């Protein structure tokens, strides 16, 4: 059953302020809109692409896989992605894996008639 749960915003670590103070020290977090918490659709897990930080690796931008939340919703029946080996990243480019979309897992195929 899919529900939603509230978790601490990983981009601002629940402070509600822009952690990089890009516009000003008073700017609110663009991910949680200053609330410090975000809603995540279950089943969820920590984003493997950004390591759960909500920050795109080696930048000051929000992660494009989890939208800065630090958590992603995964398929209930899933297997480790054969293309990236569960890292969520393309090996050569470092961009999100095209096969799994950066999740590190793919929906398990169900075979009928075997």
N, C-alpha and C. Protein backbone atom coordinates (compact mmCIF):
# COMPACT_ATOMS: atom_id res chain seq x y z
N UNK A 1 0.84 -1.18 0.00
CA UNK A 1 0.00 0.00 0.00
C UNK A 1 0.89 1.25 0.00
N UNK A 2 0.54 2.17 -0.86
CA UNK A 2 1.34 3.38 -0.99
C UNK A 2 0.73 4.49 -0.16
N UNK A 3 1.53 5.03 0.72
CA UNK A 3 1.12 6.18 1.52
C UNK A 3 2.20 7.23 1.44
N UNK A 4 2.03 8.27 2.19
CA UNK A 4 3.04 9.32 2.24
C UNK A 4 3.52 9.45 3.67
N UNK A 5 4.77 9.80 3.80
CA UNK A 5 5.35 10.01 5.11
C UNK A 5 6.14 11.32 5.09
N UNK A 6 6.24 11.95 6.23
CA UNK A 6 7.01 13.19 6.33
C UNK A 6 8.39 12.87 6.85
N UNK A 7 9.39 13.49 6.24
CA UNK A 7 10.78 13.31 6.64
C UNK A 7 11.46 14.66 6.68
N UNK A 8 12.56 14.71 7.40
CA UNK A 8 13.34 15.94 7.47
C UNK A 8 13.95 16.23 6.11
N UNK A 9 13.85 17.46 5.66
CA UNK A 9 14.43 17.87 4.39
C UNK A 9 15.94 17.70 4.46
N UNK A 10 16.48 16.94 3.52
CA UNK A 10 17.92 16.68 3.52
C UNK A 10 18.71 17.85 2.92
N UNK A 11 18.08 18.62 2.03
CA UNK A 11 18.79 19.71 1.38
C UNK A 11 19.20 20.77 2.41
N UNK A 12 18.28 21.13 3.32
CA UNK A 12 18.58 22.15 4.33
C UNK A 12 18.79 21.55 5.72
N UNK A 13 18.76 20.23 5.83
CA UNK A 13 18.87 19.50 7.10
C UNK A 13 17.82 19.94 8.12
N UNK A 14 16.63 20.26 7.60
CA UNK A 14 15.51 20.61 8.46
C UNK A 14 15.52 22.03 8.99
N UNK A 15 16.44 22.85 8.56
CA UNK A 15 16.54 24.23 9.06
C UNK A 15 15.59 25.19 8.34
N UNK A 16 15.16 24.82 7.13
CA UNK A 16 14.24 25.68 6.38
C UNK A 16 14.91 26.83 5.67
N UNK A 17 16.20 26.93 5.74
CA UNK A 17 16.96 28.02 5.08
C UNK A 17 17.82 27.44 3.96
N UNK A 18 18.07 28.26 2.93
CA UNK A 18 18.94 27.85 1.83
C UNK A 18 20.34 27.58 2.41
N UNK A 19 20.82 26.34 2.32
CA UNK A 19 22.10 26.01 2.94
C UNK A 19 23.30 26.71 2.31
N UNK A 20 23.15 27.16 1.08
CA UNK A 20 24.26 27.81 0.38
C UNK A 20 24.13 29.33 0.36
N UNK A 21 23.02 29.84 0.89
CA UNK A 21 22.76 31.28 0.95
C UNK A 21 23.01 31.95 -0.40
N UNK A 22 22.50 31.32 -1.48
CA UNK A 22 22.77 31.82 -2.82
C UNK A 22 22.21 33.21 -3.06
N UNK A 23 20.99 33.45 -2.65
CA UNK A 23 20.41 34.79 -2.83
C UNK A 23 20.68 35.68 -1.64
N UNK A 24 20.51 35.14 -0.44
CA UNK A 24 20.83 35.87 0.78
C UNK A 24 20.83 34.88 1.94
N UNK A 25 21.33 35.33 3.08
CA UNK A 25 21.35 34.48 4.27
C UNK A 25 19.94 34.24 4.81
N UNK A 26 18.98 35.02 4.36
CA UNK A 26 17.61 34.89 4.83
C UNK A 26 16.73 34.06 3.89
N UNK A 27 17.27 33.58 2.79
CA UNK A 27 16.49 32.82 1.80
C UNK A 27 16.00 31.51 2.39
N UNK A 28 14.74 31.17 2.06
CA UNK A 28 14.19 29.89 2.53
C UNK A 28 14.64 28.76 1.60
N UNK A 29 14.59 27.57 2.11
CA UNK A 29 14.97 26.39 1.35
C UNK A 29 14.02 26.21 0.17
N UNK A 30 14.57 26.01 -1.01
CA UNK A 30 13.75 25.85 -2.20
C UNK A 30 13.08 24.48 -2.28
N UNK A 31 13.54 23.52 -1.50
CA UNK A 31 12.97 22.17 -1.54
C UNK A 31 11.75 22.06 -0.63
N UNK A 32 11.89 22.51 0.61
CA UNK A 32 10.80 22.37 1.59
C UNK A 32 10.02 23.66 1.81
N UNK A 33 10.37 24.71 1.08
CA UNK A 33 9.72 26.02 1.19
C UNK A 33 9.79 26.57 2.62
N UNK A 34 10.88 26.26 3.31
CA UNK A 34 11.08 26.80 4.64
C UNK A 34 10.46 26.01 5.77
N UNK A 35 9.77 24.92 5.46
CA UNK A 35 9.11 24.14 6.50
C UNK A 35 10.06 23.19 7.25
N UNK A 36 11.13 22.76 6.59
CA UNK A 36 12.07 21.83 7.23
C UNK A 36 11.70 20.38 7.06
N UNK A 37 10.49 20.11 6.56
CA UNK A 37 10.04 18.73 6.31
C UNK A 37 9.51 18.62 4.89
N UNK A 38 9.59 17.40 4.36
CA UNK A 38 9.08 17.12 3.02
C UNK A 38 8.20 15.88 3.09
N UNK A 39 7.34 15.69 2.11
CA UNK A 39 6.53 14.47 2.01
C UNK A 39 7.14 13.56 0.98
N UNK A 40 7.20 12.28 1.31
CA UNK A 40 7.76 11.28 0.40
C UNK A 40 6.74 10.16 0.25
N UNK A 41 6.51 9.78 -0.99
CA UNK A 41 5.60 8.67 -1.29
C UNK A 41 6.32 7.36 -0.98
N UNK A 42 5.66 6.48 -0.26
CA UNK A 42 6.23 5.17 0.10
C UNK A 42 5.92 4.14 -0.97
N UNK A 43 6.72 3.13 -1.14
CA UNK A 43 7.95 2.82 -0.41
C UNK A 43 9.09 3.71 -0.89
N UNK A 44 9.86 4.22 0.06
CA UNK A 44 10.95 5.13 -0.28
C UNK A 44 12.26 4.62 0.31
N UNK A 45 13.33 5.19 -0.21
CA UNK A 45 14.66 4.91 0.34
C UNK A 45 15.54 6.12 0.07
N UNK A 46 16.67 6.14 0.71
CA UNK A 46 17.62 7.24 0.53
C UNK A 46 18.09 7.25 -0.93
N UNK A 47 18.21 8.42 -1.51
CA UNK A 47 18.66 8.56 -2.89
C UNK A 47 20.12 8.11 -3.00
N UNK A 48 20.39 7.12 -3.86
CA UNK A 48 21.76 6.63 -4.00
C UNK A 48 22.60 7.55 -4.87
N UNK A 49 21.96 8.31 -5.75
CA UNK A 49 22.73 9.18 -6.64
C UNK A 49 23.43 10.29 -5.86
N UNK A 50 22.73 10.93 -4.93
CA UNK A 50 23.33 12.02 -4.16
C UNK A 50 23.76 11.58 -2.77
N UNK A 51 23.57 10.30 -2.46
CA UNK A 51 23.93 9.80 -1.13
C UNK A 51 22.99 10.28 -0.05
N UNK A 52 21.79 10.70 -0.45
CA UNK A 52 20.80 11.16 0.51
C UNK A 52 20.98 12.59 0.97
N UNK A 53 21.91 13.32 0.35
CA UNK A 53 22.16 14.71 0.77
C UNK A 53 21.17 15.69 0.14
N UNK A 54 20.57 15.31 -0.98
CA UNK A 54 19.69 16.22 -1.70
C UNK A 54 20.43 17.17 -2.61
N UNK A 55 21.76 17.10 -2.58
CA UNK A 55 22.61 18.00 -3.37
C UNK A 55 23.23 17.22 -4.53
N UNK A 56 23.10 17.75 -5.74
CA UNK A 56 23.70 17.11 -6.92
C UNK A 56 25.21 17.03 -6.67
N UNK A 57 25.80 15.85 -6.90
CA UNK A 57 27.22 15.66 -6.59
C UNK A 57 28.13 16.75 -7.19
N UNK A 58 29.02 17.25 -6.36
CA UNK A 58 30.03 18.25 -6.72
C UNK A 58 29.46 19.59 -7.17
N UNK A 59 28.25 19.93 -6.72
CA UNK A 59 27.63 21.22 -7.07
C UNK A 59 26.94 21.80 -5.83
N UNK A 60 26.26 22.91 -6.03
CA UNK A 60 25.43 23.50 -4.98
C UNK A 60 23.97 23.51 -5.45
N UNK A 61 23.62 22.59 -6.33
CA UNK A 61 22.29 22.50 -6.90
C UNK A 61 21.52 21.34 -6.28
N UNK A 62 20.19 21.39 -6.40
CA UNK A 62 19.40 20.26 -5.91
C UNK A 62 19.61 19.05 -6.81
N UNK A 63 19.60 17.88 -6.21
CA UNK A 63 19.75 16.62 -6.95
C UNK A 63 18.59 16.46 -7.92
N UNK A 64 18.89 16.12 -9.16
CA UNK A 64 17.84 15.97 -10.17
C UNK A 64 17.09 14.65 -10.03
N UNK A 65 17.64 13.70 -9.30
CA UNK A 65 16.97 12.41 -9.12
C UNK A 65 15.90 12.51 -8.04
N UNK A 66 16.24 13.07 -6.89
CA UNK A 66 15.29 13.15 -5.77
C UNK A 66 14.68 14.54 -5.60
N UNK A 67 15.02 15.47 -6.48
CA UNK A 67 14.55 16.86 -6.40
C UNK A 67 14.95 17.54 -5.10
N UNK A 68 16.09 17.12 -4.56
CA UNK A 68 16.61 17.75 -3.35
C UNK A 68 16.09 17.17 -2.05
N UNK A 69 15.15 16.25 -2.13
CA UNK A 69 14.56 15.69 -0.92
C UNK A 69 15.49 14.75 -0.17
N UNK A 70 16.36 14.05 -0.90
CA UNK A 70 17.25 13.08 -0.29
C UNK A 70 16.66 11.69 -0.26
N UNK A 71 15.39 11.56 -0.63
CA UNK A 71 14.69 10.28 -0.67
C UNK A 71 14.00 10.11 -2.01
N UNK A 72 13.89 8.87 -2.47
CA UNK A 72 13.19 8.56 -3.71
C UNK A 72 12.18 7.44 -3.47
N UNK A 73 11.12 7.44 -4.26
CA UNK A 73 10.15 6.35 -4.22
C UNK A 73 10.63 5.27 -5.16
N UNK A 74 10.65 4.04 -4.69
CA UNK A 74 11.13 2.92 -5.50
C UNK A 74 10.00 1.94 -5.76
N UNK A 75 10.09 1.20 -6.88
CA UNK A 75 9.07 0.19 -7.14
C UNK A 75 9.08 -0.87 -6.04
N UNK A 76 7.89 -1.37 -5.67
CA UNK A 76 7.81 -2.38 -4.60
C UNK A 76 8.60 -3.63 -4.95
N UNK A 77 8.45 -4.11 -6.15
CA UNK A 77 9.21 -5.29 -6.59
C UNK A 77 10.31 -4.80 -7.51
N UNK A 78 11.50 -4.66 -6.95
CA UNK A 78 12.59 -4.11 -7.75
C UNK A 78 13.85 -4.94 -7.60
N UNK A 79 14.73 -4.77 -8.57
CA UNK A 79 16.03 -5.44 -8.58
C UNK A 79 17.11 -4.40 -8.83
N UNK A 80 18.32 -4.70 -8.42
CA UNK A 80 19.43 -3.78 -8.66
C UNK A 80 19.61 -3.58 -10.16
N UNK A 81 19.83 -2.35 -10.55
CA UNK A 81 19.99 -2.00 -11.96
C UNK A 81 21.24 -2.67 -12.53
N UNK A 82 21.07 -3.34 -13.64
CA UNK A 82 22.20 -4.05 -14.26
C UNK A 82 23.13 -3.11 -15.00
N UNK A 83 22.66 -1.93 -15.31
CA UNK A 83 23.48 -0.98 -16.05
C UNK A 83 24.47 -0.23 -15.14
N UNK A 84 24.00 0.23 -13.98
CA UNK A 84 24.87 1.02 -13.09
C UNK A 84 25.31 0.24 -11.85
N UNK A 85 24.79 -0.96 -11.68
CA UNK A 85 25.16 -1.78 -10.52
C UNK A 85 24.63 -1.25 -9.20
N UNK A 86 23.59 -0.42 -9.26
CA UNK A 86 22.97 0.10 -8.05
C UNK A 86 23.49 1.45 -7.59
N UNK A 87 24.44 2.05 -8.33
CA UNK A 87 24.99 3.34 -7.93
C UNK A 87 24.10 4.51 -8.34
N UNK A 88 23.26 4.30 -9.34
CA UNK A 88 22.40 5.36 -9.85
C UNK A 88 23.09 6.28 -10.84
N UNK A 89 24.39 6.06 -11.10
CA UNK A 89 25.14 6.95 -11.98
C UNK A 89 25.72 6.19 -13.17
N UNK A 90 25.76 6.87 -14.31
CA UNK A 90 26.45 6.32 -15.48
C UNK A 90 27.94 6.31 -15.16
N UNK A 91 28.62 5.23 -15.47
CA UNK A 91 30.02 5.09 -15.08
C UNK A 91 30.94 6.12 -15.72
N UNK A 92 30.77 6.40 -16.99
CA UNK A 92 31.69 7.31 -17.67
C UNK A 92 31.36 8.78 -17.46
N UNK A 93 30.08 9.13 -17.51
CA UNK A 93 29.71 10.54 -17.45
C UNK A 93 29.44 11.05 -16.03
N UNK A 94 29.04 10.16 -15.13
CA UNK A 94 28.68 10.59 -13.79
C UNK A 94 27.27 11.15 -13.70
N UNK A 95 26.55 11.16 -14.83
CA UNK A 95 25.17 11.62 -14.85
C UNK A 95 24.26 10.51 -14.35
N UNK A 96 23.00 10.80 -14.01
CA UNK A 96 22.09 9.74 -13.59
C UNK A 96 21.96 8.65 -14.66
N UNK A 97 21.91 7.41 -14.21
CA UNK A 97 21.79 6.25 -15.09
C UNK A 97 20.51 6.36 -15.92
N UNK A 98 20.61 6.11 -17.20
CA UNK A 98 19.46 6.20 -18.09
C UNK A 98 18.50 5.03 -17.91
N UNK A 99 19.00 3.87 -17.52
CA UNK A 99 18.15 2.69 -17.38
C UNK A 99 17.24 2.80 -16.15
N UNK A 100 17.79 3.22 -15.03
CA UNK A 100 17.00 3.27 -13.78
C UNK A 100 16.60 4.69 -13.38
N UNK A 101 17.07 5.69 -14.12
CA UNK A 101 16.75 7.08 -13.80
C UNK A 101 17.46 7.59 -12.57
N UNK A 102 18.54 6.91 -12.17
CA UNK A 102 19.30 7.33 -11.00
C UNK A 102 18.86 6.68 -9.70
N UNK A 103 17.83 5.84 -9.77
CA UNK A 103 17.32 5.19 -8.56
C UNK A 103 18.23 4.07 -8.05
N UNK A 104 18.98 3.45 -8.97
CA UNK A 104 19.82 2.32 -8.59
C UNK A 104 19.09 0.99 -8.66
N UNK A 105 17.78 1.03 -8.82
CA UNK A 105 16.96 -0.18 -8.95
C UNK A 105 15.99 -0.02 -10.11
N UNK A 106 15.58 -1.16 -10.66
CA UNK A 106 14.59 -1.19 -11.73
C UNK A 106 13.45 -2.10 -11.30
N UNK A 107 12.30 -1.86 -11.86
CA UNK A 107 11.15 -2.72 -11.57
C UNK A 107 11.47 -4.14 -12.01
N UNK A 108 11.19 -5.11 -11.13
CA UNK A 108 11.42 -6.51 -11.45
C UNK A 108 10.41 -6.95 -12.50
N UNK A 109 10.91 -7.63 -13.51
CA UNK A 109 10.02 -8.13 -14.56
C UNK A 109 9.36 -9.41 -14.08
N UNK A 110 8.08 -9.50 -14.31
CA UNK A 110 7.37 -10.74 -13.98
C UNK A 110 7.14 -11.48 -15.28
N UNK A 111 7.54 -12.72 -15.30
CA UNK A 111 7.41 -13.52 -16.52
C UNK A 111 6.24 -14.48 -16.36
N UNK A 112 5.40 -14.49 -17.36
CA UNK A 112 4.23 -15.36 -17.34
C UNK A 112 4.48 -16.55 -18.26
N UNK A 113 3.94 -17.66 -17.87
CA UNK A 113 4.02 -18.85 -18.73
C UNK A 113 5.30 -19.64 -18.58
N UNK A 114 6.06 -19.39 -17.56
CA UNK A 114 7.30 -20.15 -17.35
C UNK A 114 7.27 -20.84 -16.03
